[in-house]
N, C-alpha and C. Protein backbone atom coordinates (compact mmCIF):
# COMPACT_ATOMS: atom_id res chain seq x y z
N UNK A 1 6.06 -1.08 19.92
CA UNK A 1 4.62 -0.85 19.89
C UNK A 1 4.06 -1.02 21.30
N UNK A 2 3.55 0.08 21.87
CA UNK A 2 3.01 0.03 23.21
C UNK A 2 1.65 -0.66 23.21
N UNK A 3 1.23 -1.06 24.40
CA UNK A 3 -0.04 -1.76 24.53
C UNK A 3 -1.20 -0.77 24.57
N UNK A 4 -1.25 0.07 23.54
CA UNK A 4 -2.33 1.05 23.38
C UNK A 4 -2.81 1.00 21.94
N UNK A 5 -4.08 1.35 21.75
CA UNK A 5 -4.62 1.36 20.40
C UNK A 5 -4.05 2.53 19.61
N UNK A 6 -3.86 2.37 18.30
CA UNK A 6 -3.34 3.47 17.49
C UNK A 6 -4.37 4.58 17.34
N UNK A 7 -3.88 5.79 17.14
CA UNK A 7 -4.78 6.93 16.90
C UNK A 7 -5.35 6.87 15.49
N UNK A 8 -4.58 6.30 14.57
CA UNK A 8 -5.01 6.09 13.19
C UNK A 8 -4.12 5.00 12.60
N UNK A 9 -4.55 4.44 11.48
CA UNK A 9 -3.75 3.41 10.81
C UNK A 9 -3.63 3.76 9.33
N UNK A 10 -2.39 3.86 8.86
CA UNK A 10 -2.10 4.05 7.44
C UNK A 10 -1.81 2.68 6.84
N UNK A 11 -2.43 2.40 5.70
CA UNK A 11 -2.22 1.14 5.00
C UNK A 11 -1.59 1.37 3.63
N UNK A 12 -0.68 0.48 3.26
CA UNK A 12 -0.35 0.28 1.86
C UNK A 12 -1.58 -0.41 1.24
N UNK A 13 -1.57 -0.64 -0.05
CA UNK A 13 -2.73 -1.25 -0.72
C UNK A 13 -2.41 -2.66 -1.20
N UNK A 14 -1.63 -2.77 -2.29
CA UNK A 14 -1.31 -4.10 -2.84
C UNK A 14 -0.38 -4.87 -1.92
N UNK A 15 -0.70 -6.14 -1.76
CA UNK A 15 0.04 -7.04 -0.87
C UNK A 15 -0.16 -6.70 0.61
N UNK A 16 -1.10 -5.80 0.88
CA UNK A 16 -1.45 -5.44 2.25
C UNK A 16 -2.94 -5.62 2.48
N UNK A 17 -3.75 -4.89 1.71
CA UNK A 17 -5.20 -5.03 1.80
C UNK A 17 -5.80 -5.80 0.63
N UNK A 18 -5.15 -5.76 -0.52
CA UNK A 18 -5.66 -6.47 -1.69
C UNK A 18 -4.51 -7.12 -2.45
N UNK A 19 -4.90 -7.97 -3.41
CA UNK A 19 -3.93 -8.59 -4.31
C UNK A 19 -4.37 -8.34 -5.74
N UNK A 20 -3.66 -7.47 -6.44
CA UNK A 20 -3.89 -7.28 -7.87
C UNK A 20 -2.58 -7.45 -8.63
N UNK A 21 -1.68 -8.24 -8.04
CA UNK A 21 -0.36 -8.41 -8.65
C UNK A 21 -0.40 -9.15 -9.97
N UNK A 22 -1.44 -9.96 -10.17
CA UNK A 22 -1.56 -10.63 -11.46
C UNK A 22 -1.68 -9.61 -12.58
N UNK A 23 -2.58 -8.63 -12.40
CA UNK A 23 -2.77 -7.59 -13.41
C UNK A 23 -1.55 -6.68 -13.51
N UNK A 24 -0.97 -6.33 -12.37
CA UNK A 24 0.22 -5.47 -12.38
C UNK A 24 1.37 -6.15 -13.10
N UNK A 25 1.62 -7.40 -12.74
CA UNK A 25 2.73 -8.14 -13.35
C UNK A 25 2.55 -8.31 -14.84
N UNK A 26 1.32 -8.63 -15.25
CA UNK A 26 1.06 -8.80 -16.68
C UNK A 26 1.31 -7.51 -17.44
N UNK A 27 0.87 -6.38 -16.87
CA UNK A 27 1.04 -5.09 -17.54
C UNK A 27 2.51 -4.67 -17.58
N UNK A 28 3.22 -4.88 -16.47
CA UNK A 28 4.65 -4.55 -16.44
C UNK A 28 5.42 -5.35 -17.49
N UNK A 29 5.18 -6.65 -17.53
CA UNK A 29 5.91 -7.49 -18.48
C UNK A 29 5.48 -7.23 -19.92
N UNK A 30 4.24 -6.85 -20.13
CA UNK A 30 3.79 -6.48 -21.47
C UNK A 30 4.61 -5.28 -21.98
N UNK A 31 4.78 -4.28 -21.13
CA UNK A 31 5.51 -3.08 -21.54
C UNK A 31 7.00 -3.36 -21.67
N UNK A 32 7.55 -4.15 -20.74
CA UNK A 32 8.97 -4.47 -20.83
C UNK A 32 9.28 -5.22 -22.12
N UNK A 33 8.42 -6.18 -22.48
CA UNK A 33 8.62 -6.92 -23.73
C UNK A 33 8.48 -6.00 -24.94
N UNK A 34 7.54 -5.10 -24.88
CA UNK A 34 7.30 -4.16 -25.98
C UNK A 34 8.53 -3.31 -26.26
N UNK A 35 9.29 -2.98 -25.22
CA UNK A 35 10.48 -2.15 -25.39
C UNK A 35 11.78 -2.96 -25.35
N UNK A 36 11.64 -4.25 -25.58
CA UNK A 36 12.82 -5.10 -25.73
C UNK A 36 13.57 -5.40 -24.46
N UNK A 37 12.88 -5.37 -23.33
CA UNK A 37 13.51 -5.68 -22.04
C UNK A 37 13.05 -7.04 -21.55
N UNK A 38 13.90 -7.76 -20.82
CA UNK A 38 13.51 -9.09 -20.33
C UNK A 38 12.35 -8.99 -19.34
N UNK A 39 11.44 -9.95 -19.44
CA UNK A 39 10.31 -9.97 -18.51
C UNK A 39 10.77 -10.51 -17.16
N UNK A 40 10.00 -10.20 -16.14
CA UNK A 40 10.32 -10.61 -14.78
C UNK A 40 9.47 -11.80 -14.34
N UNK A 41 10.04 -12.73 -13.60
CA UNK A 41 9.23 -13.83 -13.07
C UNK A 41 8.13 -13.29 -12.16
N UNK A 42 6.97 -13.95 -12.16
CA UNK A 42 5.82 -13.49 -11.39
C UNK A 42 6.17 -13.26 -9.92
N UNK A 43 6.97 -14.16 -9.33
CA UNK A 43 7.27 -14.06 -7.91
C UNK A 43 8.16 -12.87 -7.58
N UNK A 44 8.82 -12.28 -8.58
CA UNK A 44 9.70 -11.15 -8.34
C UNK A 44 8.99 -9.80 -8.50
N UNK A 45 7.79 -9.80 -9.06
CA UNK A 45 7.09 -8.56 -9.37
C UNK A 45 6.89 -7.67 -8.13
N UNK A 46 6.36 -8.20 -6.99
CA UNK A 46 6.13 -7.32 -5.84
C UNK A 46 7.40 -6.63 -5.35
N UNK A 47 8.53 -7.34 -5.37
CA UNK A 47 9.77 -6.74 -4.89
C UNK A 47 10.36 -5.74 -5.88
N UNK A 48 10.06 -5.94 -7.17
CA UNK A 48 10.61 -5.05 -8.19
C UNK A 48 9.74 -3.81 -8.44
N UNK A 49 8.49 -3.87 -8.01
CA UNK A 49 7.54 -2.78 -8.29
C UNK A 49 7.13 -2.10 -6.99
N UNK A 50 8.07 -1.54 -6.28
CA UNK A 50 7.77 -0.90 -5.00
C UNK A 50 7.61 0.61 -5.13
N UNK A 51 8.12 1.19 -6.20
CA UNK A 51 8.03 2.64 -6.38
C UNK A 51 6.95 2.98 -7.39
N UNK A 52 6.53 4.23 -7.41
CA UNK A 52 5.51 4.64 -8.37
C UNK A 52 6.09 4.62 -9.78
N UNK A 53 5.20 4.58 -10.76
CA UNK A 53 5.63 4.54 -12.15
C UNK A 53 6.40 5.81 -12.53
N UNK A 54 5.97 6.96 -11.99
CA UNK A 54 6.67 8.19 -12.37
C UNK A 54 8.09 8.24 -11.81
N UNK A 55 8.37 7.45 -10.76
CA UNK A 55 9.72 7.38 -10.23
C UNK A 55 10.55 6.28 -10.88
N UNK A 56 9.92 5.16 -11.21
CA UNK A 56 10.68 4.00 -11.70
C UNK A 56 10.75 3.90 -13.22
N UNK A 57 9.74 4.37 -13.95
CA UNK A 57 9.73 4.21 -15.40
C UNK A 57 10.84 4.99 -16.11
N UNK A 58 11.18 6.20 -15.66
CA UNK A 58 12.31 6.88 -16.34
C UNK A 58 13.60 6.08 -16.30
N UNK A 59 13.82 5.34 -15.20
CA UNK A 59 15.01 4.50 -15.11
C UNK A 59 14.92 3.31 -16.05
N UNK A 60 13.73 2.75 -16.18
CA UNK A 60 13.57 1.55 -17.01
C UNK A 60 13.52 1.87 -18.51
N UNK A 61 12.88 2.99 -18.86
CA UNK A 61 12.58 3.23 -20.28
C UNK A 61 13.16 4.52 -20.84
N UNK A 62 13.97 5.22 -20.03
CA UNK A 62 14.63 6.42 -20.53
C UNK A 62 13.65 7.47 -21.03
N UNK A 63 13.94 8.07 -22.19
CA UNK A 63 13.11 9.16 -22.68
C UNK A 63 11.76 8.69 -23.21
N UNK A 64 11.53 7.39 -23.25
CA UNK A 64 10.23 6.86 -23.66
C UNK A 64 9.36 6.47 -22.46
N UNK A 65 9.74 6.95 -21.27
CA UNK A 65 9.05 6.50 -20.07
C UNK A 65 7.58 6.90 -20.03
N UNK A 66 7.25 8.10 -20.52
CA UNK A 66 5.85 8.53 -20.50
C UNK A 66 5.00 7.67 -21.42
N UNK A 67 5.53 7.39 -22.58
CA UNK A 67 4.85 6.52 -23.54
C UNK A 67 4.67 5.12 -22.95
N UNK A 68 5.73 4.62 -22.31
CA UNK A 68 5.65 3.29 -21.70
C UNK A 68 4.65 3.27 -20.55
N UNK A 69 4.59 4.34 -19.76
CA UNK A 69 3.64 4.38 -18.65
C UNK A 69 2.20 4.39 -19.15
N UNK A 70 1.95 5.14 -20.22
CA UNK A 70 0.61 5.15 -20.79
C UNK A 70 0.21 3.76 -21.26
N UNK A 71 1.14 3.07 -21.90
CA UNK A 71 0.87 1.71 -22.38
C UNK A 71 0.64 0.75 -21.21
N UNK A 72 1.40 0.94 -20.14
CA UNK A 72 1.22 0.11 -18.95
C UNK A 72 -0.19 0.23 -18.41
N UNK A 73 -0.68 1.45 -18.25
CA UNK A 73 -2.00 1.63 -17.65
C UNK A 73 -3.13 1.15 -18.55
N UNK A 74 -2.97 1.27 -19.86
CA UNK A 74 -3.97 0.72 -20.78
C UNK A 74 -4.07 -0.80 -20.58
N UNK A 75 -2.92 -1.45 -20.52
CA UNK A 75 -2.91 -2.91 -20.36
C UNK A 75 -3.37 -3.30 -18.96
N UNK A 76 -2.97 -2.52 -17.96
CA UNK A 76 -3.37 -2.84 -16.58
C UNK A 76 -4.88 -2.80 -16.42
N UNK A 77 -5.53 -1.79 -16.98
CA UNK A 77 -6.99 -1.69 -16.85
C UNK A 77 -7.68 -2.90 -17.46
N UNK A 78 -7.19 -3.36 -18.60
CA UNK A 78 -7.78 -4.53 -19.25
C UNK A 78 -7.56 -5.79 -18.40
N UNK A 79 -6.34 -5.95 -17.88
CA UNK A 79 -6.02 -7.14 -17.08
C UNK A 79 -6.80 -7.13 -15.77
N UNK A 80 -6.95 -5.97 -15.16
CA UNK A 80 -7.68 -5.89 -13.90
C UNK A 80 -9.16 -6.20 -14.10
N UNK A 81 -9.72 -5.72 -15.20
CA UNK A 81 -11.12 -5.99 -15.49
C UNK A 81 -11.35 -7.49 -15.68
N UNK A 82 -10.38 -8.14 -16.28
CA UNK A 82 -10.50 -9.59 -16.52
C UNK A 82 -10.25 -10.40 -15.25
N UNK A 83 -9.20 -10.04 -14.51
CA UNK A 83 -8.78 -10.85 -13.36
C UNK A 83 -9.46 -10.45 -12.05
N UNK A 84 -9.92 -9.22 -11.95
CA UNK A 84 -10.57 -8.76 -10.73
C UNK A 84 -9.57 -8.32 -9.67
N UNK A 85 -10.12 -7.87 -8.54
CA UNK A 85 -9.33 -7.42 -7.40
C UNK A 85 -9.67 -8.34 -6.23
N UNK A 86 -8.66 -8.86 -5.58
CA UNK A 86 -8.87 -9.88 -4.56
C UNK A 86 -8.50 -9.34 -3.18
N UNK A 87 -9.48 -9.15 -2.30
CA UNK A 87 -9.17 -8.67 -0.95
C UNK A 87 -8.29 -9.66 -0.21
N UNK A 88 -7.35 -9.15 0.57
CA UNK A 88 -6.53 -10.00 1.42
C UNK A 88 -7.40 -10.62 2.51
N UNK A 89 -7.04 -11.80 2.95
CA UNK A 89 -7.82 -12.48 3.99
C UNK A 89 -7.88 -11.60 5.24
N UNK A 90 -9.10 -11.37 5.71
CA UNK A 90 -9.29 -10.60 6.93
C UNK A 90 -9.25 -9.10 6.75
N UNK A 91 -8.99 -8.61 5.54
CA UNK A 91 -8.85 -7.17 5.32
C UNK A 91 -10.16 -6.43 5.62
N UNK A 92 -11.27 -6.94 5.10
CA UNK A 92 -12.55 -6.26 5.32
C UNK A 92 -12.92 -6.25 6.80
N UNK A 93 -12.68 -7.36 7.48
CA UNK A 93 -12.97 -7.43 8.92
C UNK A 93 -12.12 -6.43 9.70
N UNK A 94 -10.85 -6.30 9.32
CA UNK A 94 -9.95 -5.36 9.98
C UNK A 94 -10.44 -3.93 9.78
N UNK A 95 -10.81 -3.59 8.56
CA UNK A 95 -11.27 -2.23 8.27
C UNK A 95 -12.58 -1.94 9.00
N UNK A 96 -13.46 -2.94 9.05
CA UNK A 96 -14.73 -2.75 9.77
C UNK A 96 -14.49 -2.54 11.26
N UNK A 97 -13.53 -3.25 11.83
CA UNK A 97 -13.21 -3.10 13.24
C UNK A 97 -12.69 -1.69 13.53
N UNK A 98 -11.83 -1.19 12.67
CA UNK A 98 -11.30 0.16 12.86
C UNK A 98 -12.42 1.20 12.78
N UNK A 99 -13.32 1.02 11.83
CA UNK A 99 -14.44 1.95 11.71
C UNK A 99 -15.32 1.90 12.95
N UNK A 100 -15.63 0.69 13.41
CA UNK A 100 -16.47 0.53 14.61
C UNK A 100 -15.84 1.16 15.85
N UNK A 101 -14.50 1.15 15.88
CA UNK A 101 -13.79 1.68 17.03
C UNK A 101 -13.31 3.12 16.82
N UNK A 102 -13.80 3.73 15.77
CA UNK A 102 -13.52 5.14 15.48
C UNK A 102 -12.02 5.44 15.36
N UNK A 103 -11.31 4.51 14.74
CA UNK A 103 -9.90 4.70 14.44
C UNK A 103 -9.76 4.92 12.94
N UNK A 104 -9.38 6.11 12.50
CA UNK A 104 -9.33 6.39 11.06
C UNK A 104 -8.37 5.47 10.32
N UNK A 105 -8.82 4.97 9.17
CA UNK A 105 -7.98 4.17 8.28
C UNK A 105 -7.66 5.02 7.05
N UNK A 106 -6.41 4.97 6.63
CA UNK A 106 -5.91 5.81 5.53
C UNK A 106 -5.12 4.92 4.59
N UNK A 107 -5.19 5.20 3.30
CA UNK A 107 -4.40 4.46 2.32
C UNK A 107 -3.35 5.37 1.71
N UNK A 108 -2.10 4.89 1.69
CA UNK A 108 -1.00 5.56 1.00
C UNK A 108 -0.33 4.52 0.12
N UNK A 109 -0.54 4.64 -1.18
CA UNK A 109 -0.07 3.63 -2.11
C UNK A 109 0.61 4.27 -3.31
N UNK A 110 1.55 3.55 -3.90
CA UNK A 110 2.20 4.03 -5.11
C UNK A 110 1.47 3.60 -6.37
N UNK A 111 0.29 3.02 -6.21
CA UNK A 111 -0.59 2.80 -7.36
C UNK A 111 -1.22 4.16 -7.70
N UNK A 112 -1.42 4.42 -8.99
CA UNK A 112 -2.00 5.69 -9.41
C UNK A 112 -3.29 5.96 -8.65
N UNK A 113 -3.44 7.19 -8.16
CA UNK A 113 -4.55 7.53 -7.31
C UNK A 113 -5.92 7.18 -7.89
N UNK A 114 -6.13 7.47 -9.16
CA UNK A 114 -7.44 7.21 -9.76
C UNK A 114 -7.74 5.71 -9.80
N UNK A 115 -6.73 4.89 -10.03
CA UNK A 115 -6.93 3.45 -10.04
C UNK A 115 -7.18 2.93 -8.62
N UNK A 116 -6.47 3.50 -7.68
CA UNK A 116 -6.62 3.11 -6.28
C UNK A 116 -8.05 3.35 -5.80
N UNK A 117 -8.56 4.53 -6.07
CA UNK A 117 -9.91 4.87 -5.62
C UNK A 117 -10.97 4.09 -6.39
N UNK A 118 -10.71 3.80 -7.64
CA UNK A 118 -11.62 2.95 -8.41
C UNK A 118 -11.74 1.58 -7.76
N UNK A 119 -10.61 1.02 -7.35
CA UNK A 119 -10.63 -0.32 -6.74
C UNK A 119 -11.35 -0.30 -5.39
N UNK A 120 -11.12 0.75 -4.61
CA UNK A 120 -11.81 0.85 -3.32
C UNK A 120 -13.32 0.94 -3.52
N UNK A 121 -13.74 1.71 -4.51
CA UNK A 121 -15.16 1.82 -4.81
C UNK A 121 -15.72 0.50 -5.31
N UNK A 122 -14.98 -0.18 -6.18
CA UNK A 122 -15.41 -1.46 -6.71
C UNK A 122 -15.64 -2.48 -5.58
N UNK A 123 -14.79 -2.44 -4.57
CA UNK A 123 -14.91 -3.36 -3.44
C UNK A 123 -15.98 -2.92 -2.44
N UNK A 124 -16.49 -1.70 -2.60
CA UNK A 124 -17.45 -1.17 -1.64
C UNK A 124 -16.80 -0.77 -0.32
N UNK A 125 -15.54 -0.34 -0.40
CA UNK A 125 -14.77 -0.03 0.80
C UNK A 125 -14.61 1.47 1.05
N UNK A 126 -15.17 2.31 0.23
CA UNK A 126 -14.94 3.75 0.37
C UNK A 126 -15.19 4.25 1.78
N UNK A 127 -16.28 3.78 2.39
CA UNK A 127 -16.70 4.30 3.70
C UNK A 127 -15.75 3.92 4.82
N UNK A 128 -14.84 2.98 4.57
CA UNK A 128 -13.89 2.56 5.60
C UNK A 128 -12.74 3.55 5.77
N UNK A 129 -12.51 4.43 4.78
CA UNK A 129 -11.28 5.22 4.77
C UNK A 129 -11.54 6.70 4.99
N UNK A 130 -10.68 7.31 5.79
CA UNK A 130 -10.71 8.76 5.98
C UNK A 130 -10.06 9.47 4.80
N UNK A 131 -9.13 8.81 4.13
CA UNK A 131 -8.54 9.33 2.89
C UNK A 131 -7.87 8.19 2.13
N UNK A 132 -7.82 8.33 0.82
CA UNK A 132 -7.17 7.35 -0.06
C UNK A 132 -6.28 8.13 -1.01
N UNK A 133 -4.98 7.99 -0.86
CA UNK A 133 -4.03 8.79 -1.64
C UNK A 133 -3.07 7.86 -2.39
N UNK A 134 -2.97 8.08 -3.68
CA UNK A 134 -2.10 7.27 -4.51
C UNK A 134 -1.03 8.09 -5.20
N UNK A 135 -0.33 7.45 -6.13
CA UNK A 135 0.73 8.12 -6.87
C UNK A 135 0.18 9.33 -7.61
N UNK A 136 0.96 10.39 -7.62
CA UNK A 136 0.66 11.66 -8.29
C UNK A 136 -0.35 12.53 -7.53
N UNK A 137 -0.87 12.05 -6.41
CA UNK A 137 -1.79 12.87 -5.62
C UNK A 137 -1.04 13.88 -4.76
N UNK A 138 0.22 13.62 -4.50
CA UNK A 138 1.06 14.52 -3.70
C UNK A 138 2.25 14.99 -4.54
N UNK A 139 3.02 15.89 -4.00
CA UNK A 139 4.18 16.42 -4.73
C UNK A 139 5.16 15.30 -5.05
N UNK A 140 5.38 14.40 -4.09
CA UNK A 140 6.24 13.25 -4.30
C UNK A 140 5.53 12.00 -3.81
N UNK A 141 5.94 10.86 -4.33
CA UNK A 141 5.31 9.59 -3.97
C UNK A 141 6.11 8.88 -2.88
N UNK A 142 5.49 7.92 -2.26
CA UNK A 142 6.12 7.09 -1.23
C UNK A 142 7.43 6.49 -1.77
N UNK A 143 8.52 6.55 -1.01
CA UNK A 143 8.63 6.73 0.44
C UNK A 143 8.76 8.18 0.92
N UNK A 144 8.61 9.16 0.04
CA UNK A 144 8.70 10.56 0.46
C UNK A 144 7.60 10.88 1.47
N UNK A 145 7.91 11.63 2.47
CA UNK A 145 6.94 11.90 3.53
C UNK A 145 5.78 12.77 3.05
N UNK A 146 5.99 13.54 1.96
CA UNK A 146 4.91 14.37 1.44
C UNK A 146 3.67 13.55 1.08
N UNK A 147 3.90 12.33 0.65
CA UNK A 147 2.79 11.46 0.26
C UNK A 147 1.91 11.14 1.47
N UNK A 148 2.54 10.69 2.56
CA UNK A 148 1.79 10.36 3.77
C UNK A 148 1.24 11.61 4.45
N UNK A 149 2.00 12.69 4.45
CA UNK A 149 1.52 13.92 5.06
C UNK A 149 0.25 14.42 4.36
N UNK A 150 0.21 14.29 3.04
CA UNK A 150 -0.97 14.72 2.29
C UNK A 150 -2.18 13.87 2.67
N UNK A 151 -1.98 12.56 2.77
CA UNK A 151 -3.08 11.67 3.15
C UNK A 151 -3.59 11.98 4.55
N UNK A 152 -2.67 12.22 5.47
CA UNK A 152 -3.06 12.56 6.84
C UNK A 152 -3.81 13.89 6.88
N UNK A 153 -3.33 14.86 6.11
CA UNK A 153 -3.97 16.17 6.08
C UNK A 153 -5.41 16.07 5.60
N UNK A 154 -5.65 15.26 4.56
CA UNK A 154 -7.01 15.08 4.06
C UNK A 154 -7.92 14.45 5.10
N UNK A 155 -7.32 13.66 6.01
CA UNK A 155 -8.08 13.02 7.08
C UNK A 155 -8.17 13.90 8.32
N UNK A 156 -7.59 15.10 8.25
CA UNK A 156 -7.61 16.00 9.39
C UNK A 156 -6.65 15.61 10.50
N UNK A 157 -5.56 14.95 10.12
CA UNK A 157 -4.59 14.45 11.10
C UNK A 157 -3.19 14.94 10.77
N UNK A 158 -2.31 14.82 11.76
CA UNK A 158 -0.88 15.07 11.57
C UNK A 158 -0.11 13.84 12.01
N UNK A 159 1.06 13.65 11.45
CA UNK A 159 1.89 12.49 11.79
C UNK A 159 2.27 12.52 13.26
N UNK A 160 2.28 11.34 13.88
CA UNK A 160 2.68 11.23 15.29
C UNK A 160 3.05 9.78 15.59
N UNK A 161 3.78 9.55 16.68
CA UNK A 161 4.23 8.19 17.02
C UNK A 161 3.12 7.23 17.42
N UNK A 162 1.88 7.72 17.58
CA UNK A 162 0.79 6.81 17.94
C UNK A 162 -0.05 6.40 16.73
N UNK A 163 0.51 6.60 15.53
CA UNK A 163 -0.12 6.16 14.29
C UNK A 163 0.66 4.97 13.74
N UNK A 164 -0.06 3.93 13.36
CA UNK A 164 0.57 2.76 12.74
C UNK A 164 0.62 2.94 11.23
N UNK A 165 1.71 2.44 10.62
CA UNK A 165 1.85 2.44 9.16
C UNK A 165 2.10 0.98 8.76
N UNK A 166 1.11 0.37 8.12
CA UNK A 166 1.17 -1.06 7.81
C UNK A 166 1.41 -1.27 6.31
N UNK A 167 2.47 -1.99 5.99
CA UNK A 167 2.76 -2.29 4.60
C UNK A 167 3.61 -3.53 4.48
N UNK A 168 4.03 -3.83 3.26
CA UNK A 168 4.75 -5.08 3.03
C UNK A 168 6.17 -4.89 2.53
N UNK A 169 6.61 -3.64 2.37
CA UNK A 169 7.92 -3.46 1.76
C UNK A 169 8.73 -2.31 2.31
N UNK A 170 9.90 -2.15 1.71
CA UNK A 170 10.87 -1.16 2.18
C UNK A 170 10.34 0.26 2.08
N UNK A 171 9.60 0.57 1.00
CA UNK A 171 9.11 1.95 0.85
C UNK A 171 8.10 2.30 1.94
N UNK A 172 7.31 1.31 2.40
CA UNK A 172 6.36 1.56 3.48
C UNK A 172 7.09 1.84 4.79
N UNK A 173 8.10 1.05 5.07
CA UNK A 173 8.88 1.22 6.29
C UNK A 173 9.60 2.57 6.27
N UNK A 174 10.19 2.90 5.13
CA UNK A 174 10.92 4.17 5.01
C UNK A 174 9.98 5.37 5.17
N UNK A 175 8.79 5.26 4.61
CA UNK A 175 7.83 6.35 4.72
C UNK A 175 7.34 6.50 6.15
N UNK A 176 7.09 5.38 6.81
CA UNK A 176 6.67 5.42 8.22
C UNK A 176 7.72 6.11 9.07
N UNK A 177 8.97 5.77 8.85
CA UNK A 177 10.05 6.38 9.63
C UNK A 177 10.22 7.85 9.29
N UNK A 178 9.98 8.20 8.04
CA UNK A 178 10.13 9.61 7.64
C UNK A 178 9.14 10.51 8.35
N UNK A 179 7.96 9.98 8.67
CA UNK A 179 6.95 10.81 9.33
C UNK A 179 6.84 10.51 10.83
N UNK A 180 7.69 9.60 11.32
CA UNK A 180 7.71 9.32 12.74
C UNK A 180 6.57 8.45 13.25
N UNK A 181 6.01 7.63 12.36
CA UNK A 181 4.97 6.68 12.77
C UNK A 181 5.57 5.30 13.01
N UNK A 182 4.76 4.40 13.55
CA UNK A 182 5.24 3.06 13.86
C UNK A 182 5.10 2.17 12.62
N UNK A 183 6.20 1.62 12.07
CA UNK A 183 6.09 0.71 10.94
C UNK A 183 5.72 -0.70 11.38
N UNK A 184 4.69 -1.25 10.78
CA UNK A 184 4.31 -2.64 11.00
C UNK A 184 4.38 -3.35 9.66
N UNK A 185 5.05 -4.48 9.63
CA UNK A 185 5.29 -5.18 8.37
C UNK A 185 4.36 -6.38 8.22
N UNK A 186 3.76 -6.52 7.05
CA UNK A 186 3.11 -7.77 6.69
C UNK A 186 4.14 -8.57 5.90
N UNK A 187 4.62 -9.64 6.50
CA UNK A 187 5.68 -10.42 5.89
C UNK A 187 6.19 -11.48 6.85
N UNK A 188 7.47 -11.74 6.78
CA UNK A 188 8.06 -12.78 7.63
C UNK A 188 9.22 -12.19 8.45
N UNK A 189 9.75 -13.03 9.32
CA UNK A 189 10.80 -12.56 10.23
C UNK A 189 12.05 -12.15 9.48
N UNK A 190 12.40 -12.88 8.42
CA UNK A 190 13.60 -12.55 7.67
C UNK A 190 13.51 -11.15 7.05
N UNK A 191 12.36 -10.85 6.46
CA UNK A 191 12.17 -9.52 5.87
C UNK A 191 12.17 -8.45 6.95
N UNK A 192 11.53 -8.75 8.07
CA UNK A 192 11.49 -7.79 9.19
C UNK A 192 12.90 -7.48 9.68
N UNK A 193 13.74 -8.51 9.79
CA UNK A 193 15.11 -8.31 10.25
C UNK A 193 15.91 -7.50 9.23
N UNK A 194 15.71 -7.79 7.96
CA UNK A 194 16.42 -7.06 6.91
C UNK A 194 16.08 -5.57 6.95
N UNK A 195 14.80 -5.27 7.21
CA UNK A 195 14.34 -3.88 7.22
C UNK A 195 14.43 -3.24 8.60
N UNK A 196 14.83 -4.03 9.59
CA UNK A 196 14.96 -3.51 10.94
C UNK A 196 13.64 -3.16 11.59
N UNK A 197 12.59 -3.94 11.27
CA UNK A 197 11.26 -3.69 11.80
C UNK A 197 11.00 -4.62 12.98
N UNK A 198 10.55 -4.06 14.07
CA UNK A 198 10.35 -4.85 15.29
C UNK A 198 9.06 -5.65 15.27
N UNK A 199 8.05 -5.18 14.54
CA UNK A 199 6.74 -5.79 14.60
C UNK A 199 6.30 -6.25 13.21
N UNK A 200 6.07 -7.55 13.07
CA UNK A 200 5.61 -8.07 11.78
C UNK A 200 4.46 -9.04 12.00
N UNK A 201 3.62 -9.16 10.97
CA UNK A 201 2.43 -10.00 11.02
C UNK A 201 2.30 -10.78 9.72
N UNK A 202 1.60 -11.89 9.79
CA UNK A 202 1.40 -12.70 8.58
C UNK A 202 0.32 -12.11 7.68
N UNK A 203 -0.56 -11.29 8.25
CA UNK A 203 -1.62 -10.70 7.45
C UNK A 203 -2.60 -9.92 8.29
N UNK A 204 -3.69 -9.51 7.66
CA UNK A 204 -4.69 -8.66 8.31
C UNK A 204 -5.37 -9.35 9.48
N UNK A 205 -5.59 -10.65 9.35
CA UNK A 205 -6.25 -11.38 10.43
C UNK A 205 -5.45 -11.32 11.72
N UNK A 206 -4.15 -11.45 11.61
CA UNK A 206 -3.29 -11.41 12.80
C UNK A 206 -3.24 -10.00 13.39
N UNK A 207 -3.28 -8.98 12.54
CA UNK A 207 -3.31 -7.61 13.04
C UNK A 207 -4.60 -7.36 13.81
N UNK A 208 -5.71 -7.88 13.30
CA UNK A 208 -6.99 -7.73 14.00
C UNK A 208 -6.95 -8.41 15.36
N UNK A 209 -6.34 -9.57 15.42
CA UNK A 209 -6.20 -10.26 16.70
C UNK A 209 -5.39 -9.43 17.69
N UNK A 210 -4.34 -8.77 17.20
CA UNK A 210 -3.52 -7.91 18.06
C UNK A 210 -4.33 -6.73 18.58
N UNK A 211 -5.12 -6.13 17.72
CA UNK A 211 -5.95 -5.00 18.14
C UNK A 211 -6.98 -5.43 19.18
N UNK A 212 -7.59 -6.57 18.98
CA UNK A 212 -8.56 -7.07 19.96
C UNK A 212 -7.89 -7.37 21.30
N UNK A 213 -6.67 -7.88 21.25
CA UNK A 213 -5.94 -8.17 22.48
C UNK A 213 -5.62 -6.88 23.23
N UNK A 214 -5.20 -5.86 22.51
CA UNK A 214 -4.90 -4.57 23.14
C UNK A 214 -6.18 -3.98 23.75
N UNK A 215 -7.26 -4.03 23.00
CA UNK A 215 -8.51 -3.45 23.49
C UNK A 215 -9.01 -4.17 24.76
N UNK A 216 -8.90 -5.50 24.78
CA UNK A 216 -9.38 -6.26 25.92
C UNK A 216 -8.54 -6.02 27.17
N UNK A 217 -7.29 -5.59 26.98
CA UNK A 217 -6.40 -5.35 28.12
C UNK A 217 -6.50 -3.93 28.68
N UNK A 218 -7.25 -3.08 27.98
CA UNK A 218 -7.38 -1.70 28.44
C UNK A 218 -8.26 -1.63 29.69
N UNK A 219 -8.02 -0.67 30.56
CA UNK A 219 -8.83 -0.52 31.78
C UNK A 219 -10.30 -0.28 31.45
């Protein structure tokens, strides 16, 4: 990562800008139990749910995957309404900084697009984003490059090495590399080493500090 500001920033959503894993985990385990599969411990949910439902449910539920996915989203909506959506620490400040500095922010998430945009609207964050693209909005979902390319196209941009792609997992890193952008990981050194990522941060607050440092060093 050079000491220059990014031309744009692509974000993952869950575990990056917000936390709705309580609702996701409850819905996943509700459906797994319904179809006679063992439930997953809460701490394993983020690592096990990295792909979109249309990619992962056929493997989990076979020919009943569509039925299981419908049941998942019914339960997820109820759990989300009860538990709410929790912004990550510093996320709003980071998004506001990007907007103030005219750096487009984009969301590429494997959460269903309609749910993703509902959550952004609920948080009052719509105006921060040049585009918000979720599962099923593109021909293929993340880590396929079509997902990110579609989001960039809606924002009037094309993939390039001066765009940051910030996420918390392997699919984010793979997608960033597929489109030739810089992968930045929210996580720890061990995960960064496993994924071969050079730049990692503890969260949005630390990313904002990095951006301010780069800006202050510019001529």
